[in-house]
Amino acid sequence: MTSTIRHAGSLLALLAACCLAVPASAQTVQMLDLWPEGHLPRVVQGPEQVGNEGSSMGAVTRVSQPRMEIHRPANPNGTAVLILGGGGYFRIQVGTAARPMAQWLASIGVTTAVLYYRMPVDGWPASAPFADGQRAMRLLRANAGELGIDPAKIGVMGSSAGANLAGILSTRFDHDFYPALDASDRLPSRPDFLAMLYPVVTLKPPYDTTRSRRELATQPDAVEAYSVEGHVRSDMPPVFLAHAADDRIADVHHSLLMFQAARAQNVPVELHVFDRGGHSWGLGRPGTQVAQWPRLFATWARANGFMAAPPVSLQPLTGQTAPLSPPPVDSDDADFEEDGD
């Protein structure tokens, strides 16, 4: 595994107006490869790419080197969050969703790790993103001392398809998605808490219209294997859910299914449904209903003991803002509306 450190740059997307934070320049970023060099076969043809227009702005494709982009706060509070951007398992929304979330959380003391995971659209097996997620959780625990985090306070936060991935990591943690390689793989992969934002929860009808359903279909039993609500269990971590009622990509019933399944198993769960907001909001545009979620999540995490109380004084985090209009739906996804992020 390799590790390099550099200073974090300016924000690449909009921060919620309700959230105050220290400057991003106080954070450092460490890149950590998931797998030993030469362990993975050569599958992806061509270099990794980052989109620069429309709905692909900031989205990463052709991942062949799974890794974590770890954002280390100047004053870590011991909590860590693995952040899983969405994109229908055919791309990962890093620039406009996962990275801004990581920078916001790091600004309030949380160590964050943005995961660059492999995707079935590139020829990897459908289980590849789940293997990468499981490995990432174990490596965070293996490096807890160096990173200044509490191995019992490592959660996962996913948006859209990334929330599907987060949900499977939180429910199927006793299923090994890859053979053990080293001492890190003897550590538990179960997250300590789960946040799901505009999530893809089920792959079953009538909510099987997402791009996630199509891309994971390379595995014959994908519908059963990766429909999160079917794996909810009493010993899974507590759940935070946020969704917009007018979401055209991932119907709000995805979150309702998750809420009901968690309640049935007596799993602590909190659900916020906003009247308007659509899909793929990241941190949320200031002034919109969905921009409330970061503060709601922080309050939930602190109330459940997963995050320390906020500092006495915080300064607004400034930086470059993302486009205010929602990303368009790709024309080639007319039959399967894309998962956005």
Protein backbone atom coordinates (compact mmCIF):
# COMPACT_ATOMS: atom_id res chain seq x y z
CA MET A 1 0.00 0.00 0.00
CA THR A 2 1.18 3.51 -0.72
CA SER A 3 0.49 6.68 1.18
CA THR A 4 1.06 10.31 0.16
CA ILE A 5 0.02 13.51 1.94
CA ARG A 6 -0.84 16.90 0.47
CA HIS A 7 -2.79 19.94 1.62
CA ALA A 8 -6.49 19.89 0.76
CA GLY A 9 -7.54 22.38 -1.93
CA SER A 10 -10.61 24.56 -2.16
CA LEU A 11 -14.10 23.12 -2.10
CA LEU A 12 -15.36 21.72 -5.39
CA ALA A 13 -19.02 21.90 -4.46
CA LEU A 14 -21.49 23.85 -2.40
CA LEU A 15 -21.53 23.63 1.41
CA ALA A 16 -24.79 23.87 3.26
CA ALA A 17 -25.35 27.39 4.55
CA CYS A 18 -26.37 26.13 7.98
CA CYS A 19 -23.02 24.43 8.61
CA LEU A 20 -20.10 26.38 10.03
CA ALA A 21 -16.57 25.07 9.81
CA VAL A 22 -12.87 25.80 9.92
CA PRO A 23 -11.01 26.53 6.67
CA ALA A 24 -10.33 23.56 4.40
CA SER A 25 -6.65 24.55 4.30
CA ALA A 26 -6.40 23.29 7.90
CA GLN A 27 -7.02 19.77 6.58
CA THR A 28 -4.58 17.38 4.95
CA VAL A 29 -5.38 14.61 2.50
CA GLN A 30 -3.76 11.17 2.52
CA MET A 31 -4.21 8.65 -0.31
CA LEU A 32 -4.29 5.01 0.78
CA ASP A 33 -4.47 2.11 -1.69
CA LEU A 34 -6.81 -0.73 -0.70
CA TRP A 35 -4.98 -3.65 -2.23
CA PRO A 36 -1.29 -4.63 -2.51
CA GLU A 37 0.34 -3.77 -5.82
CA GLY A 38 -0.27 -6.50 -8.39
CA HIS A 39 -3.10 -8.12 -6.42
CA LEU A 40 -5.91 -7.11 -8.79
CA PRO A 41 -6.08 -8.30 -12.41
CA ARG A 42 -5.93 -5.81 -15.25
CA VAL A 43 -9.58 -5.27 -16.20
CA VAL A 44 -10.10 -1.60 -16.98
CA GLN A 45 -9.00 -0.38 -20.39
CA GLY A 46 -7.74 3.19 -20.43
CA PRO A 47 -6.91 5.70 -17.70
CA GLU A 48 -9.18 6.84 -14.90
CA GLN A 49 -11.28 9.84 -15.92
CA VAL A 50 -13.08 12.74 -14.22
CA GLY A 51 -16.10 14.32 -15.90
CA ASN A 52 -16.07 18.04 -16.61
CA GLU A 53 -19.57 18.89 -17.83
CA GLY A 54 -23.26 18.31 -17.21
CA SER A 55 -24.31 15.51 -14.87
CA SER A 56 -20.82 13.98 -15.11
CA MET A 57 -19.14 17.04 -13.56
CA GLY A 58 -16.64 15.80 -10.98
CA ALA A 59 -17.64 12.15 -11.48
CA VAL A 60 -14.90 9.52 -11.56
CA THR A 61 -15.00 6.60 -14.01
CA ARG A 62 -12.73 3.67 -14.95
CA VAL A 63 -11.41 3.03 -11.45
CA SER A 64 -8.68 0.40 -11.62
CA GLN A 65 -6.80 1.32 -8.45
CA PRO A 66 -9.29 1.27 -5.55
CA ARG A 67 -8.22 3.67 -2.83
CA MET A 68 -9.27 6.01 -0.06
CA GLU A 69 -8.85 9.78 -0.11
CA ILE A 70 -8.52 10.40 3.62
CA HIS A 71 -9.27 13.91 4.87
CA ARG A 72 -7.53 14.50 8.19
CA PRO A 73 -8.79 17.39 10.33
CA ALA A 74 -6.42 19.64 12.21
CA ASN A 75 -8.09 18.60 15.48
CA PRO A 76 -9.58 15.11 15.09
CA ASN A 77 -12.39 14.22 17.49
CA GLY A 78 -11.90 10.46 17.16
CA THR A 79 -14.83 9.82 14.81
CA ALA A 80 -14.31 8.59 11.24
CA VAL A 81 -16.69 8.23 8.30
CA LEU A 82 -16.20 6.24 5.09
CA ILE A 83 -17.94 8.24 2.35
CA LEU A 84 -19.41 6.47 -0.67
CA GLY A 85 -20.44 8.66 -3.58
CA GLY A 86 -23.18 7.40 -5.88
CA GLY A 87 -23.51 7.20 -9.62
CA GLY A 88 -25.42 4.04 -10.40
CA TYR A 89 -22.34 1.80 -10.14
CA PHE A 90 -21.11 3.22 -13.45
CA ARG A 91 -19.40 6.32 -12.02
CA ILE A 92 -18.71 7.90 -8.62
CA GLN A 93 -19.79 11.45 -7.83
CA VAL A 94 -16.69 12.62 -6.00
CA GLY A 95 -16.30 16.30 -6.94
CA THR A 96 -19.86 17.47 -6.32
CA ALA A 97 -20.90 15.16 -3.48
CA ALA A 98 -18.46 12.81 -1.75
CA ARG A 99 -15.51 15.21 -1.45
CA PRO A 100 -17.55 18.22 -0.22
CA MET A 101 -19.18 15.95 2.37
CA ALA A 102 -15.73 14.77 3.45
CA GLN A 103 -14.41 18.33 3.70
CA TRP A 104 -17.42 19.48 5.72
CA LEU A 105 -17.14 16.60 8.18
CA ALA A 106 -13.37 17.06 8.47
CA SER A 107 -13.95 20.74 9.22
CA ILE A 108 -15.86 19.75 12.36
CA GLY A 109 -13.23 17.25 13.48
CA VAL A 110 -14.32 14.03 11.77
CA THR A 111 -11.69 12.03 9.89
CA THR A 112 -13.21 11.11 6.54
CA ALA A 113 -12.31 8.73 3.73
CA VAL A 114 -13.74 9.08 0.22
CA LEU A 115 -13.75 5.65 -1.42
CA TYR A 116 -12.81 5.16 -5.07
CA TYR A 117 -14.36 1.76 -5.67
CA ARG A 118 -14.45 -0.56 -8.68
CA MET A 119 -17.62 -0.77 -10.77
CA PRO A 120 -19.25 -3.60 -12.73
CA VAL A 121 -19.70 -1.36 -15.78
CA ASP A 122 -15.93 -1.65 -16.30
CA GLY A 123 -15.94 -5.43 -16.29
CA TRP A 124 -15.39 -6.02 -12.60
CA PRO A 125 -17.74 -8.50 -10.88
CA ALA A 126 -20.83 -7.03 -9.24
CA SER A 127 -19.32 -7.88 -5.86
CA ALA A 128 -16.23 -5.69 -6.47
CA PRO A 129 -17.56 -2.44 -4.92
CA PHE A 130 -18.69 -4.37 -1.85
CA ALA A 131 -15.28 -6.02 -1.53
CA ASP A 132 -13.63 -2.60 -1.78
CA GLY A 133 -15.98 -1.14 0.83
CA GLN A 134 -15.38 -4.01 3.24
CA ARG A 135 -11.60 -3.76 2.79
CA ALA A 136 -11.75 0.01 3.35
CA MET A 137 -13.58 -0.39 6.68
CA ARG A 138 -10.97 -2.88 7.87
CA LEU A 139 -8.05 -0.69 6.80
CA LEU A 140 -9.51 2.28 8.67
CA ARG A 141 -9.57 0.18 11.82
CA ALA A 142 -6.08 -1.17 11.13
CA ASN A 143 -4.78 2.42 10.85
CA ALA A 144 -6.89 3.87 13.66
CA GLY A 145 -3.90 4.70 15.85
CA GLU A 146 -2.03 6.54 13.11
CA LEU A 147 -5.16 8.40 12.01
CA GLY A 148 -6.20 9.38 15.53
CA ILE A 149 -9.61 7.71 15.37
CA ASP A 150 -11.58 5.49 17.72
CA PRO A 151 -12.03 2.06 16.06
CA ALA A 152 -15.47 1.88 17.70
CA LYS A 153 -16.62 5.15 16.07
CA ILE A 154 -16.16 4.45 12.36
CA GLY A 155 -19.34 4.96 10.37
CA VAL A 156 -20.31 4.94 6.72
CA MET A 157 -22.18 7.56 4.71
CA GLY A 158 -23.51 6.89 1.22
CA SER A 159 -25.58 8.79 -1.31
CA SER A 160 -27.83 7.17 -3.96
CA ALA A 161 -26.02 4.04 -5.23
CA GLY A 162 -23.34 4.74 -2.64
CA ALA A 163 -26.04 4.41 0.01
CA ASN A 164 -26.89 0.99 -1.42
CA LEU A 165 -23.24 0.03 -0.97
CA ALA A 166 -23.22 1.51 2.55
CA GLY A 167 -26.38 -0.42 3.42
CA ILE A 168 -24.93 -3.75 2.32
CA LEU A 169 -21.73 -3.11 4.28
CA SER A 170 -23.90 -2.43 7.34
CA THR A 171 -26.12 -5.51 7.01
CA ARG A 172 -23.95 -8.22 5.40
CA PHE A 173 -20.83 -7.58 7.47
CA ASP A 174 -20.50 -11.26 8.36
CA HIS A 175 -20.24 -12.21 4.68
CA ASP A 176 -16.71 -11.93 3.29
CA PHE A 177 -16.79 -10.42 -0.19
CA TYR A 178 -13.12 -11.37 -0.74
CA PRO A 179 -10.58 -13.87 0.65
CA ALA A 180 -8.47 -12.61 3.57
CA LEU A 181 -5.09 -11.18 2.58
CA ASP A 182 -3.39 -9.97 5.74
CA ALA A 183 -3.84 -9.10 9.40
CA SER A 184 -6.17 -6.20 8.54
CA ASP A 185 -8.73 -8.71 7.26
CA ARG A 186 -9.07 -10.20 10.71
CA LEU A 187 -10.63 -6.94 11.87
CA PRO A 188 -14.41 -6.37 11.78
CA SER A 189 -15.89 -4.63 8.74
CA ARG A 190 -19.18 -3.64 10.41
CA PRO A 191 -19.69 0.15 10.46
CA ASP A 192 -20.66 1.67 13.81
CA PHE A 193 -23.32 3.91 12.25
CA LEU A 194 -24.98 4.29 8.86
CA ALA A 195 -26.11 7.42 6.99
CA MET A 196 -28.10 6.97 3.77
CA LEU A 197 -28.86 10.03 1.61
CA TYR A 198 -31.43 9.76 -1.21
CA PRO A 199 -30.60 6.04 -1.18
CA VAL A 200 -31.14 3.20 -3.60
CA VAL A 201 -32.28 0.57 -1.10
CA THR A 202 -34.08 -2.12 -3.08
CA LEU A 203 -33.56 -3.69 -6.49
CA LYS A 204 -37.03 -5.24 -6.44
CA PRO A 205 -40.19 -4.15 -8.31
CA PRO A 206 -41.74 -1.67 -8.48
CA TYR A 207 -38.66 0.34 -7.48
CA ASP A 208 -36.19 -1.49 -9.73
CA THR A 209 -35.94 1.34 -12.27
CA THR A 210 -32.51 2.62 -11.18
CA ARG A 211 -29.21 2.39 -13.01
CA SER A 212 -27.89 0.46 -9.99
CA ARG A 213 -30.30 -2.38 -10.74
CA ARG A 214 -29.05 -2.60 -14.32
CA GLU A 215 -25.33 -2.52 -13.51
CA LEU A 216 -25.48 -5.06 -10.67
CA ALA A 217 -27.49 -7.48 -12.84
CA THR A 218 -24.26 -9.12 -14.04
CA GLN A 219 -24.63 -11.24 -10.87
CA PRO A 220 -27.53 -13.71 -11.23
CA ASP A 221 -28.77 -13.30 -7.66
CA ALA A 222 -28.11 -9.55 -7.46
CA VAL A 223 -31.72 -8.63 -6.61
CA GLU A 224 -31.66 -10.70 -3.44
CA ALA A 225 -27.99 -10.12 -2.67
CA TYR A 226 -28.05 -6.32 -2.88
CA SER A 227 -31.58 -5.30 -1.83
CA VAL A 228 -30.66 -3.83 1.54
CA GLU A 229 -34.09 -4.11 3.18
CA GLY A 230 -33.92 -7.91 2.88
CA HIS A 231 -30.75 -8.03 5.00
CA VAL A 232 -31.74 -5.66 7.82
CA ARG A 233 -30.95 -7.29 11.17
CA SER A 234 -31.16 -6.43 14.83
CA ASP A 235 -27.38 -6.20 15.31
CA MET A 236 -26.75 -3.77 12.44
CA PRO A 237 -25.70 -0.17 13.22
CA PRO A 238 -28.16 2.68 13.86
CA VAL A 239 -29.45 4.38 10.71
CA PHE A 240 -29.90 7.99 9.57
CA LEU A 241 -32.00 8.54 6.42
CA ALA A 242 -32.67 11.67 4.36
CA HIS A 243 -34.74 11.83 1.15
CA ALA A 244 -36.84 14.23 -0.92
CA ALA A 245 -40.44 13.29 -1.66
CA ASP A 246 -40.13 14.49 -5.26
CA ASP A 247 -37.04 12.39 -6.09
CA ARG A 248 -37.53 11.08 -9.66
CA ILE A 249 -34.43 8.89 -9.68
CA ALA A 250 -34.67 6.96 -6.41
CA ASP A 251 -38.30 7.01 -5.27
CA VAL A 252 -38.78 8.09 -1.65
CA HIS A 253 -40.20 4.61 -0.98
CA HIS A 254 -36.61 3.37 -0.92
CA SER A 255 -36.08 5.24 2.35
CA LEU A 256 -39.52 4.28 3.63
CA LEU A 257 -38.71 0.60 3.05
CA MET A 258 -35.46 0.98 4.96
CA PHE A 259 -37.16 2.80 7.81
CA GLN A 260 -39.86 0.16 8.13
CA ALA A 261 -37.37 -2.73 7.94
CA ALA A 262 -35.18 -1.16 10.62
CA ARG A 263 -38.15 -0.52 12.91
CA ALA A 264 -39.30 -4.12 12.50
CA GLN A 265 -35.89 -5.28 13.76
CA ASN A 266 -35.76 -2.70 16.58
CA VAL A 267 -32.81 -0.96 14.96
CA PRO A 268 -32.54 2.72 15.97
CA VAL A 269 -33.47 4.74 12.87
CA GLU A 270 -34.18 8.39 12.09
CA LEU A 271 -35.84 9.46 8.83
CA HIS A 272 -36.14 12.94 7.32
CA VAL A 273 -38.34 13.39 4.24
CA PHE A 274 -38.21 16.81 2.60
CA ASP A 275 -41.12 17.99 0.47
CA ARG A 276 -38.86 19.14 -2.36
CA GLY A 277 -35.26 18.64 -3.39
CA GLY A 278 -35.16 16.02 -6.12
CA HIS A 279 -32.08 13.82 -6.35
CA SER A 280 -28.33 14.26 -6.16
CA TRP A 281 -28.16 17.25 -3.83
CA GLY A 282 -24.84 16.57 -2.12
CA LEU A 283 -24.59 18.99 0.78
CA GLY A 284 -27.60 20.92 -0.50
CA ARG A 285 -27.92 24.34 -2.11
CA PRO A 286 -28.23 27.10 0.54
CA GLY A 287 -31.82 28.04 1.16
CA THR A 288 -33.28 24.72 0.02
CA GLN A 289 -35.03 22.25 2.29
CA VAL A 290 -32.48 19.51 1.72
CA ALA A 291 -29.64 21.78 2.90
CA GLN A 292 -30.82 21.04 6.45
CA TRP A 293 -29.51 17.48 6.41
CA PRO A 294 -25.89 18.14 7.52
CA ARG A 295 -27.02 19.82 10.74
CA LEU A 296 -29.65 17.13 11.31
CA PHE A 297 -27.05 14.41 10.80
CA ALA A 298 -24.55 16.06 13.14
CA THR A 299 -27.23 16.42 15.82
CA TRP A 300 -28.20 12.74 15.39
CA ALA A 301 -24.58 11.57 15.54
CA ARG A 302 -23.90 13.56 18.69
CA ALA A 303 -27.13 12.43 20.36
CA ASN A 304 -26.17 8.81 19.73
CA GLY A 305 -22.62 9.25 21.01
CA PHE A 306 -20.87 8.86 17.64
CA MET A 307 -19.49 12.38 17.49
CA ALA A 308 -18.15 14.83 20.06
CA ALA A 309 -19.77 18.15 20.89
CA PRO A 310 -18.93 20.99 18.48
CA PRO A 311 -16.04 23.38 19.18
CA VAL A 312 -16.85 26.58 21.05
CA SER A 313 -16.07 28.77 18.03
CA LEU A 314 -16.30 27.92 14.34
CA GLN A 315 -15.55 29.96 11.26
CA PRO A 316 -17.48 29.73 7.97
CA LEU A 317 -15.84 27.49 5.40
CA THR A 318 -15.42 29.31 2.12
CA GLY A 319 -14.60 28.00 -1.32
CA GLN A 320 -15.64 27.51 -4.90
CA THR A 321 -19.32 26.75 -5.41
CA ALA A 322 -20.94 24.21 -7.68
CA PRO A 323 -23.59 25.00 -10.32
CA LEU A 324 -26.97 25.71 -8.74
CA SER A 325 -29.08 23.88 -11.30
CA PRO A 326 -29.65 20.13 -10.91
CA PRO A 327 -27.73 17.84 -13.28
CA PRO A 328 -29.67 16.69 -16.35
CA VAL A 329 -30.68 13.08 -16.87
CA ASP A 330 -28.49 11.44 -19.49
CA SER A 331 -30.41 10.76 -22.68
CA ASP A 332 -28.99 7.27 -22.99
CA ASP A 333 -30.50 6.41 -19.61
CA ALA A 334 -34.09 7.12 -20.61
CA ASP A 335 -35.24 3.61 -19.69
CA PHE A 336 -33.18 3.51 -16.49
CA GLU A 337 -32.93 7.00 -15.01
CA GLU A 338 -29.43 7.40 -13.68
CA ASP A 339 -28.74 7.41 -9.96
CA GLY A 340 -27.11 10.83 -10.16
CA ASP A 341 -24.77 10.57 -7.21
